[in-house]
């Protein structure tokens, strides 16, 4: 966990976080982090978070299931530039107990306390072989259901 996490004004309590240093390769012609790089960071923190909860790739392969992103909404609030040190926080904010989950993100630059990005993604359980929607296995339900944080931008269960 970063030394900055406690001093950041997070949207929700107790985020799972990763630290990011913006590299020259992350920037685009405008001189700030490219939107594609932000999406990669969201994926990086998502995998790190679920793996920390025990939802490893080995478990995905064992069950033959995975949670696939179905939608991502990103609000770019301020630019990140090469050399910036950032903290990306995430929370699981919804799980319907069967099929769908949701996740919220907040990207902060501790140097000035500014939130650069807020994002929300939704996921659906899929069969790894067919890539078709599938009910989540009980082990996924236990992990995801136990990690949901109240107060986020989840979804209303169907």
N, C-alpha and C. Protein backbone atom coordinates (compact mmCIF):
# COMPACT_ATOMS: atom_id res chain seq x y z
N UNK A 1 0.84 -1.18 0.00
CA UNK A 1 0.00 0.00 0.00
C UNK A 1 0.89 1.24 0.00
N UNK A 2 0.47 2.24 -0.70
CA UNK A 2 1.24 3.46 -0.84
C UNK A 2 1.24 4.28 0.44
N UNK A 3 2.29 5.04 0.63
CA UNK A 3 2.35 5.95 1.77
C UNK A 3 1.30 7.06 1.65
N UNK A 4 0.79 7.32 0.46
CA UNK A 4 -0.15 8.40 0.22
C UNK A 4 -1.61 8.01 0.44
N UNK A 5 -1.90 6.72 0.51
CA UNK A 5 -3.29 6.26 0.50
C UNK A 5 -4.11 6.89 1.62
N UNK A 6 -3.54 6.97 2.81
CA UNK A 6 -4.28 7.51 3.95
C UNK A 6 -4.61 8.98 3.83
N UNK A 7 -3.82 9.75 3.08
CA UNK A 7 -4.03 11.19 2.98
C UNK A 7 -4.88 11.59 1.77
N UNK A 8 -5.27 10.63 0.96
CA UNK A 8 -6.07 10.92 -0.24
C UNK A 8 -7.54 10.91 0.12
N UNK A 9 -8.29 11.81 -0.49
CA UNK A 9 -9.73 11.87 -0.29
C UNK A 9 -10.38 10.92 -1.30
N UNK A 10 -10.61 9.68 -0.85
CA UNK A 10 -11.17 8.65 -1.71
C UNK A 10 -12.69 8.76 -1.78
N UNK A 11 -13.25 8.35 -2.91
CA UNK A 11 -14.71 8.38 -3.08
C UNK A 11 -15.40 7.37 -2.17
N UNK A 12 -14.73 6.25 -1.91
CA UNK A 12 -15.27 5.19 -1.05
C UNK A 12 -14.16 4.76 -0.09
N UNK A 13 -14.52 4.11 1.00
CA UNK A 13 -13.48 3.71 1.97
C UNK A 13 -12.64 2.53 1.50
N UNK A 14 -11.43 2.47 1.99
CA UNK A 14 -10.52 1.32 1.87
C UNK A 14 -10.36 0.79 0.45
N UNK A 15 -9.85 1.61 -0.47
CA UNK A 15 -9.64 1.10 -1.83
C UNK A 15 -8.50 0.10 -1.89
N UNK A 16 -8.55 -0.78 -2.88
CA UNK A 16 -7.39 -1.56 -3.26
C UNK A 16 -6.61 -0.64 -4.20
N UNK A 17 -5.30 -0.49 -4.00
CA UNK A 17 -4.55 0.49 -4.78
C UNK A 17 -3.30 -0.10 -5.42
N UNK A 18 -2.90 0.55 -6.51
CA UNK A 18 -1.58 0.32 -7.10
C UNK A 18 -0.96 1.70 -7.36
N UNK A 19 0.36 1.73 -7.36
CA UNK A 19 1.08 2.95 -7.70
C UNK A 19 1.46 2.91 -9.17
N UNK A 20 1.42 4.07 -9.78
CA UNK A 20 1.75 4.20 -11.20
C UNK A 20 2.69 5.38 -11.36
N UNK A 21 3.73 5.20 -12.15
CA UNK A 21 4.55 6.33 -12.57
C UNK A 21 4.37 6.47 -14.07
N UNK A 22 3.93 7.62 -14.50
CA UNK A 22 3.66 7.86 -15.92
C UNK A 22 4.99 7.97 -16.66
N UNK A 23 5.17 7.10 -17.65
CA UNK A 23 6.39 7.07 -18.47
C UNK A 23 6.19 7.87 -19.74
N UNK A 24 7.28 8.25 -20.38
CA UNK A 24 7.20 8.96 -21.66
C UNK A 24 6.37 8.16 -22.67
N UNK A 25 6.52 6.80 -22.64
CA UNK A 25 5.81 5.94 -23.58
C UNK A 25 4.29 5.95 -23.35
N UNK A 26 3.85 6.42 -22.18
CA UNK A 26 2.43 6.47 -21.86
C UNK A 26 1.76 7.71 -22.46
N UNK A 27 2.55 8.66 -22.91
CA UNK A 27 1.98 9.93 -23.37
C UNK A 27 1.73 9.91 -24.88
N UNK A 28 0.85 10.80 -25.29
CA UNK A 28 0.50 10.91 -26.71
C UNK A 28 1.00 12.24 -27.28
N UNK A 29 0.55 12.58 -28.44
CA UNK A 29 1.00 13.81 -29.11
C UNK A 29 0.64 15.08 -28.34
N UNK A 30 -0.37 14.99 -27.49
CA UNK A 30 -0.76 16.14 -26.69
C UNK A 30 0.12 16.30 -25.45
N UNK A 31 0.97 15.30 -25.20
CA UNK A 31 1.90 15.39 -24.09
C UNK A 31 1.37 14.86 -22.77
N UNK A 32 0.18 14.28 -22.78
CA UNK A 32 -0.35 13.69 -21.55
C UNK A 32 -0.65 12.21 -21.77
N UNK A 33 -0.94 11.51 -20.68
CA UNK A 33 -1.21 10.07 -20.76
C UNK A 33 -2.35 9.83 -21.74
N UNK A 34 -2.15 8.88 -22.62
CA UNK A 34 -3.13 8.55 -23.65
C UNK A 34 -4.30 7.79 -23.05
N UNK A 35 -5.49 7.96 -23.61
CA UNK A 35 -6.68 7.29 -23.09
C UNK A 35 -6.55 5.77 -23.10
N UNK A 36 -5.83 5.19 -24.04
CA UNK A 36 -5.63 3.75 -24.09
C UNK A 36 -4.82 3.28 -22.88
N UNK A 37 -3.89 4.11 -22.43
CA UNK A 37 -3.06 3.77 -21.27
C UNK A 37 -3.92 3.75 -20.01
N UNK A 38 -4.86 4.67 -19.87
CA UNK A 38 -5.75 4.66 -18.72
C UNK A 38 -6.53 3.35 -18.65
N UNK A 39 -7.02 2.88 -19.80
CA UNK A 39 -7.75 1.61 -19.84
C UNK A 39 -6.85 0.46 -19.39
N UNK A 40 -5.60 0.46 -19.84
CA UNK A 40 -4.66 -0.58 -19.40
C UNK A 40 -4.47 -0.53 -17.89
N UNK A 41 -4.35 0.67 -17.32
CA UNK A 41 -4.19 0.79 -15.87
C UNK A 41 -5.42 0.25 -15.13
N UNK A 42 -6.61 0.52 -15.66
CA UNK A 42 -7.84 0.00 -15.04
C UNK A 42 -7.81 -1.53 -15.04
N UNK A 43 -7.37 -2.12 -16.14
CA UNK A 43 -7.29 -3.57 -16.21
C UNK A 43 -6.24 -4.10 -15.24
N UNK A 44 -5.09 -3.43 -15.17
CA UNK A 44 -4.02 -3.86 -14.26
C UNK A 44 -4.49 -3.89 -12.81
N UNK A 45 -5.16 -2.83 -12.36
CA UNK A 45 -5.60 -2.79 -10.96
C UNK A 45 -6.73 -3.78 -10.72
N UNK A 46 -7.58 -4.02 -11.72
CA UNK A 46 -8.67 -4.99 -11.57
C UNK A 46 -8.12 -6.38 -11.35
N UNK A 47 -7.15 -6.80 -12.19
CA UNK A 47 -6.56 -8.12 -12.03
C UNK A 47 -5.83 -8.24 -10.70
N UNK A 48 -5.07 -7.22 -10.34
CA UNK A 48 -4.33 -7.27 -9.07
C UNK A 48 -5.30 -7.40 -7.90
N UNK A 49 -6.43 -6.69 -7.98
CA UNK A 49 -7.41 -6.74 -6.90
C UNK A 49 -8.04 -8.12 -6.77
N UNK A 50 -8.56 -8.66 -7.87
CA UNK A 50 -9.23 -9.96 -7.74
C UNK A 50 -8.25 -11.07 -7.38
N UNK A 51 -7.02 -10.96 -7.88
CA UNK A 51 -6.02 -11.97 -7.51
C UNK A 51 -5.71 -11.89 -6.02
N UNK A 52 -5.69 -10.68 -5.45
CA UNK A 52 -5.44 -10.53 -4.01
C UNK A 52 -6.57 -11.14 -3.19
N UNK A 53 -7.75 -11.25 -3.78
CA UNK A 53 -8.92 -11.84 -3.11
C UNK A 53 -8.97 -13.37 -3.27
N UNK A 54 -8.05 -13.91 -4.07
CA UNK A 54 -8.01 -15.36 -4.29
C UNK A 54 -8.61 -15.79 -5.62
N UNK A 55 -9.04 -14.85 -6.43
CA UNK A 55 -9.63 -15.17 -7.73
C UNK A 55 -8.51 -15.13 -8.77
N UNK A 56 -7.61 -16.10 -8.67
CA UNK A 56 -6.42 -16.16 -9.52
C UNK A 56 -6.76 -16.70 -10.91
N UNK A 57 -5.81 -16.56 -11.82
CA UNK A 57 -6.02 -17.11 -13.16
C UNK A 57 -6.14 -18.63 -13.09
N UNK A 58 -5.41 -19.25 -12.17
CA UNK A 58 -5.51 -20.71 -12.00
C UNK A 58 -6.95 -21.10 -11.64
N UNK A 59 -7.61 -20.31 -10.80
CA UNK A 59 -9.01 -20.57 -10.44
C UNK A 59 -9.92 -20.38 -11.65
N UNK A 60 -9.64 -19.39 -12.45
CA UNK A 60 -10.42 -19.19 -13.68
C UNK A 60 -10.31 -20.42 -14.58
N UNK A 61 -9.08 -20.90 -14.76
CA UNK A 61 -8.88 -22.07 -15.61
C UNK A 61 -9.53 -23.31 -15.02
N UNK A 62 -9.44 -23.46 -13.70
CA UNK A 62 -10.03 -24.62 -13.03
C UNK A 62 -11.55 -24.64 -13.19
N UNK A 63 -12.19 -23.48 -13.08
CA UNK A 63 -13.65 -23.41 -13.18
C UNK A 63 -14.12 -23.29 -14.63
N UNK A 64 -13.21 -22.87 -15.52
CA UNK A 64 -13.60 -22.65 -16.91
C UNK A 64 -14.43 -21.40 -17.10
N UNK A 65 -14.38 -20.49 -16.13
CA UNK A 65 -15.18 -19.25 -16.18
C UNK A 65 -14.29 -18.04 -15.93
N UNK A 66 -14.77 -16.89 -16.39
CA UNK A 66 -14.08 -15.62 -16.14
C UNK A 66 -15.10 -14.50 -16.17
N UNK A 67 -14.75 -13.40 -15.54
CA UNK A 67 -15.59 -12.20 -15.56
C UNK A 67 -15.04 -11.29 -16.67
N UNK A 68 -15.83 -11.08 -17.71
CA UNK A 68 -15.42 -10.27 -18.86
C UNK A 68 -16.07 -8.89 -18.79
N UNK A 69 -15.31 -7.88 -19.15
CA UNK A 69 -15.83 -6.52 -19.14
C UNK A 69 -16.90 -6.38 -20.22
N UNK A 70 -18.05 -5.81 -19.84
CA UNK A 70 -19.12 -5.56 -20.79
C UNK A 70 -19.30 -4.07 -21.07
N UNK A 71 -18.81 -3.24 -20.16
CA UNK A 71 -18.95 -1.79 -20.33
C UNK A 71 -17.96 -1.08 -19.43
N UNK A 72 -17.36 -0.01 -19.94
CA UNK A 72 -16.50 0.85 -19.14
C UNK A 72 -16.86 2.29 -19.45
N UNK A 73 -17.08 3.07 -18.40
CA UNK A 73 -17.33 4.50 -18.53
C UNK A 73 -16.19 5.22 -17.82
N UNK A 74 -15.53 6.14 -18.53
CA UNK A 74 -14.39 6.85 -17.97
C UNK A 74 -14.64 8.35 -18.08
N UNK A 75 -14.46 9.04 -16.96
CA UNK A 75 -14.49 10.50 -16.95
C UNK A 75 -13.06 10.97 -16.76
N UNK A 76 -12.51 11.63 -17.79
CA UNK A 76 -11.17 12.18 -17.73
C UNK A 76 -11.29 13.60 -17.18
N UNK A 77 -10.84 13.79 -15.94
CA UNK A 77 -11.05 15.05 -15.25
C UNK A 77 -9.86 16.01 -15.33
N UNK A 78 -8.67 15.44 -15.42
CA UNK A 78 -7.45 16.24 -15.50
C UNK A 78 -6.35 15.35 -16.08
N UNK A 79 -5.38 15.96 -16.73
CA UNK A 79 -4.34 15.19 -17.42
C UNK A 79 -3.25 14.70 -16.48
N UNK A 80 -2.71 13.52 -16.82
CA UNK A 80 -1.50 13.00 -16.18
C UNK A 80 -0.37 13.18 -17.18
N UNK A 81 0.80 13.54 -16.68
CA UNK A 81 1.95 13.82 -17.54
C UNK A 81 3.12 12.93 -17.18
N UNK A 82 4.05 12.79 -18.12
CA UNK A 82 5.24 11.98 -17.86
C UNK A 82 5.90 12.43 -16.57
N UNK A 83 6.28 11.47 -15.75
CA UNK A 83 6.91 11.76 -14.47
C UNK A 83 5.95 11.82 -13.30
N UNK A 84 4.66 11.97 -13.59
CA UNK A 84 3.68 12.00 -12.50
C UNK A 84 3.65 10.66 -11.78
N UNK A 85 3.56 10.71 -10.46
CA UNK A 85 3.34 9.51 -9.65
C UNK A 85 1.87 9.53 -9.25
N UNK A 86 1.18 8.42 -9.51
CA UNK A 86 -0.26 8.35 -9.32
C UNK A 86 -0.61 7.16 -8.43
N UNK A 87 -1.79 7.22 -7.84
CA UNK A 87 -2.35 6.10 -7.10
C UNK A 87 -3.70 5.80 -7.73
N UNK A 88 -3.90 4.54 -8.14
CA UNK A 88 -5.16 4.11 -8.72
C UNK A 88 -5.86 3.20 -7.71
N UNK A 89 -7.04 3.62 -7.29
CA UNK A 89 -7.83 2.84 -6.35
C UNK A 89 -9.03 2.22 -7.03
N UNK A 90 -9.45 1.06 -6.51
CA UNK A 90 -10.63 0.39 -7.06
C UNK A 90 -11.42 -0.29 -5.95
N UNK A 91 -12.69 -0.49 -6.24
CA UNK A 91 -13.61 -1.18 -5.34
C UNK A 91 -14.57 -2.03 -6.17
N UNK A 92 -14.93 -3.18 -5.67
CA UNK A 92 -16.06 -3.93 -6.23
C UNK A 92 -17.31 -3.28 -5.65
N UNK A 93 -18.21 -2.84 -6.50
CA UNK A 93 -19.36 -2.08 -6.03
C UNK A 93 -20.70 -2.77 -6.28
N UNK A 94 -20.67 -3.93 -6.91
CA UNK A 94 -21.92 -4.64 -7.12
C UNK A 94 -21.67 -6.07 -7.56
N UNK A 95 -22.55 -6.95 -7.13
CA UNK A 95 -22.54 -8.33 -7.61
C UNK A 95 -23.97 -8.85 -7.44
N UNK A 96 -24.54 -9.37 -8.51
CA UNK A 96 -25.94 -9.81 -8.45
C UNK A 96 -26.11 -11.24 -7.94
N UNK A 97 -25.00 -11.89 -7.58
CA UNK A 97 -25.08 -13.24 -7.03
C UNK A 97 -25.14 -14.35 -8.07
N UNK A 98 -25.18 -13.98 -9.35
CA UNK A 98 -25.32 -14.99 -10.39
C UNK A 98 -24.40 -14.76 -11.59
N UNK A 99 -24.36 -13.52 -12.07
CA UNK A 99 -23.85 -13.30 -13.41
C UNK A 99 -23.03 -12.02 -13.56
N UNK A 100 -23.50 -10.92 -12.99
CA UNK A 100 -22.90 -9.60 -13.24
C UNK A 100 -22.22 -9.03 -12.00
N UNK A 101 -21.14 -8.26 -12.27
CA UNK A 101 -20.48 -7.51 -11.20
C UNK A 101 -20.14 -6.12 -11.73
N UNK A 102 -19.83 -5.22 -10.80
CA UNK A 102 -19.42 -3.87 -11.19
C UNK A 102 -18.27 -3.42 -10.31
N UNK A 103 -17.53 -2.48 -10.84
CA UNK A 103 -16.30 -2.02 -10.20
C UNK A 103 -16.19 -0.51 -10.43
N UNK A 104 -15.67 0.19 -9.44
CA UNK A 104 -15.46 1.62 -9.51
C UNK A 104 -13.97 1.92 -9.36
N UNK A 105 -13.50 2.99 -10.00
CA UNK A 105 -12.09 3.37 -9.99
C UNK A 105 -11.95 4.86 -9.70
N UNK A 106 -10.83 5.21 -9.09
CA UNK A 106 -10.46 6.61 -8.89
C UNK A 106 -8.94 6.71 -9.02
N UNK A 107 -8.48 7.56 -9.93
CA UNK A 107 -7.05 7.79 -10.15
C UNK A 107 -6.69 9.16 -9.58
N UNK A 108 -5.71 9.16 -8.66
CA UNK A 108 -5.36 10.39 -7.94
C UNK A 108 -3.87 10.68 -8.09
N UNK A 109 -3.55 11.98 -8.20
CA UNK A 109 -2.16 12.42 -8.16
C UNK A 109 -1.90 12.97 -6.76
N UNK A 110 -1.18 12.22 -5.92
CA UNK A 110 -0.98 12.64 -4.53
C UNK A 110 -0.28 13.99 -4.38
N UNK A 111 0.56 14.37 -5.33
CA UNK A 111 1.31 15.62 -5.22
C UNK A 111 0.40 16.83 -5.02
N UNK A 112 -0.77 16.81 -5.66
CA UNK A 112 -1.71 17.92 -5.49
C UNK A 112 -3.09 17.46 -5.02
N UNK A 113 -3.25 16.15 -4.80
CA UNK A 113 -4.52 15.62 -4.31
C UNK A 113 -5.62 15.58 -5.35
N UNK A 114 -5.29 15.87 -6.59
CA UNK A 114 -6.30 15.96 -7.65
C UNK A 114 -6.71 14.57 -8.15
N UNK A 115 -8.03 14.38 -8.29
CA UNK A 115 -8.54 13.18 -8.94
C UNK A 115 -8.50 13.43 -10.44
N UNK A 116 -7.78 12.56 -11.15
CA UNK A 116 -7.61 12.71 -12.59
C UNK A 116 -8.66 11.96 -13.40
N UNK A 117 -9.08 10.81 -12.86
CA UNK A 117 -10.02 9.95 -13.58
C UNK A 117 -10.96 9.31 -12.57
N UNK A 118 -12.21 9.19 -12.97
CA UNK A 118 -13.18 8.33 -12.29
C UNK A 118 -13.75 7.42 -13.36
N UNK A 119 -13.93 6.14 -13.00
CA UNK A 119 -14.45 5.20 -13.99
C UNK A 119 -15.29 4.14 -13.29
N UNK A 120 -16.16 3.53 -14.08
CA UNK A 120 -17.00 2.42 -13.63
C UNK A 120 -16.99 1.37 -14.73
N UNK A 121 -16.86 0.12 -14.34
CA UNK A 121 -16.96 -0.94 -15.33
C UNK A 121 -17.95 -1.99 -14.84
N UNK A 122 -18.57 -2.67 -15.79
CA UNK A 122 -19.45 -3.79 -15.47
C UNK A 122 -18.90 -5.03 -16.15
N UNK A 123 -19.19 -6.18 -15.55
CA UNK A 123 -18.63 -7.44 -16.02
C UNK A 123 -19.72 -8.50 -16.04
N UNK A 124 -19.54 -9.47 -16.90
CA UNK A 124 -20.44 -10.62 -16.95
C UNK A 124 -19.59 -11.88 -16.94
N UNK A 125 -20.09 -12.90 -16.26
CA UNK A 125 -19.39 -14.17 -16.24
C UNK A 125 -19.56 -14.85 -17.59
N UNK A 126 -18.45 -15.37 -18.11
CA UNK A 126 -18.48 -16.08 -19.39
C UNK A 126 -17.76 -17.42 -19.24
N UNK A 127 -18.16 -18.35 -20.11
CA UNK A 127 -17.48 -19.63 -20.22
C UNK A 127 -16.21 -19.39 -21.04
N UNK A 128 -15.07 -19.86 -20.54
CA UNK A 128 -13.81 -19.61 -21.24
C UNK A 128 -13.74 -20.24 -22.62
N UNK A 129 -14.35 -21.39 -22.81
CA UNK A 129 -14.30 -22.06 -24.12
C UNK A 129 -15.25 -21.43 -25.12
N UNK A 130 -16.50 -21.25 -24.73
CA UNK A 130 -17.49 -20.76 -25.68
C UNK A 130 -17.54 -19.23 -25.76
N UNK A 131 -17.00 -18.54 -24.73
CA UNK A 131 -17.07 -17.08 -24.63
C UNK A 131 -18.50 -16.58 -24.48
N UNK A 132 -19.40 -17.47 -24.12
CA UNK A 132 -20.81 -17.11 -23.96
C UNK A 132 -21.12 -16.87 -22.48
N UNK A 133 -22.15 -16.08 -22.20
CA UNK A 133 -22.53 -15.83 -20.81
C UNK A 133 -22.80 -17.14 -20.07
N UNK A 134 -22.44 -17.15 -18.80
CA UNK A 134 -22.57 -18.35 -17.97
C UNK A 134 -22.75 -17.94 -16.52
N UNK A 135 -23.49 -18.73 -15.78
CA UNK A 135 -23.64 -18.45 -14.35
C UNK A 135 -22.28 -18.56 -13.67
N UNK A 136 -22.00 -17.65 -12.76
CA UNK A 136 -20.73 -17.67 -12.03
C UNK A 136 -20.68 -18.87 -11.10
N UNK A 137 -19.52 -19.51 -11.00
CA UNK A 137 -19.40 -20.62 -10.06
C UNK A 137 -19.49 -20.10 -8.62
N UNK A 138 -19.85 -20.99 -7.70
CA UNK A 138 -20.03 -20.61 -6.30
C UNK A 138 -18.79 -19.93 -5.73
N UNK A 139 -17.61 -20.41 -6.08
CA UNK A 139 -16.38 -19.81 -5.55
C UNK A 139 -16.26 -18.35 -6.00
N UNK A 140 -16.66 -18.01 -7.22
CA UNK A 140 -16.67 -16.62 -7.67
C UNK A 140 -17.68 -15.83 -6.86
N UNK A 141 -18.86 -16.40 -6.69
CA UNK A 141 -19.92 -15.72 -5.94
C UNK A 141 -19.46 -15.41 -4.52
N UNK A 142 -18.78 -16.36 -3.89
CA UNK A 142 -18.30 -16.15 -2.52
C UNK A 142 -17.26 -15.02 -2.48
N UNK A 143 -16.33 -15.03 -3.43
CA UNK A 143 -15.27 -14.02 -3.45
C UNK A 143 -15.85 -12.64 -3.79
N UNK A 144 -16.60 -12.56 -4.88
CA UNK A 144 -17.13 -11.27 -5.32
C UNK A 144 -18.14 -10.71 -4.32
N UNK A 145 -19.06 -11.55 -3.88
CA UNK A 145 -20.08 -11.10 -2.94
C UNK A 145 -19.49 -10.61 -1.63
N UNK A 146 -18.40 -11.25 -1.19
CA UNK A 146 -17.77 -10.85 0.06
C UNK A 146 -16.94 -9.60 -0.03
N UNK A 147 -16.63 -9.14 -1.24
CA UNK A 147 -15.75 -7.98 -1.42
C UNK A 147 -16.49 -6.70 -1.81
N UNK A 148 -17.80 -6.79 -2.01
CA UNK A 148 -18.56 -5.61 -2.47
C UNK A 148 -18.57 -4.53 -1.38
N UNK A 149 -18.28 -3.30 -1.80
CA UNK A 149 -18.28 -2.13 -0.94
C UNK A 149 -19.58 -1.37 -1.17
N UNK A 150 -20.29 -1.06 -0.10
CA UNK A 150 -21.54 -0.31 -0.21
C UNK A 150 -21.27 1.14 -0.57
N UNK A 151 -22.22 1.74 -1.26
CA UNK A 151 -22.17 3.16 -1.55
C UNK A 151 -21.58 3.53 -2.89
N UNK A 152 -21.13 2.53 -3.63
CA UNK A 152 -20.54 2.81 -4.93
C UNK A 152 -21.58 2.87 -6.03
N UNK A 153 -21.08 3.03 -7.24
CA UNK A 153 -21.94 3.09 -8.42
C UNK A 153 -22.15 1.68 -8.97
N UNK A 154 -22.76 0.84 -8.18
CA UNK A 154 -23.08 -0.52 -8.63
C UNK A 154 -24.29 -0.47 -9.54
N UNK A 155 -24.96 -1.59 -9.67
CA UNK A 155 -26.16 -1.67 -10.49
C UNK A 155 -27.24 -2.31 -9.66
N UNK A 156 -28.44 -2.12 -10.07
CA UNK A 156 -29.57 -2.75 -9.39
C UNK A 156 -29.65 -4.21 -9.85
N UNK A 157 -29.60 -5.16 -8.93
CA UNK A 157 -29.71 -6.56 -9.35
C UNK A 157 -30.97 -6.80 -10.17
N UNK A 158 -30.85 -7.67 -11.18
CA UNK A 158 -31.99 -7.96 -12.07
C UNK A 158 -33.00 -8.79 -11.35
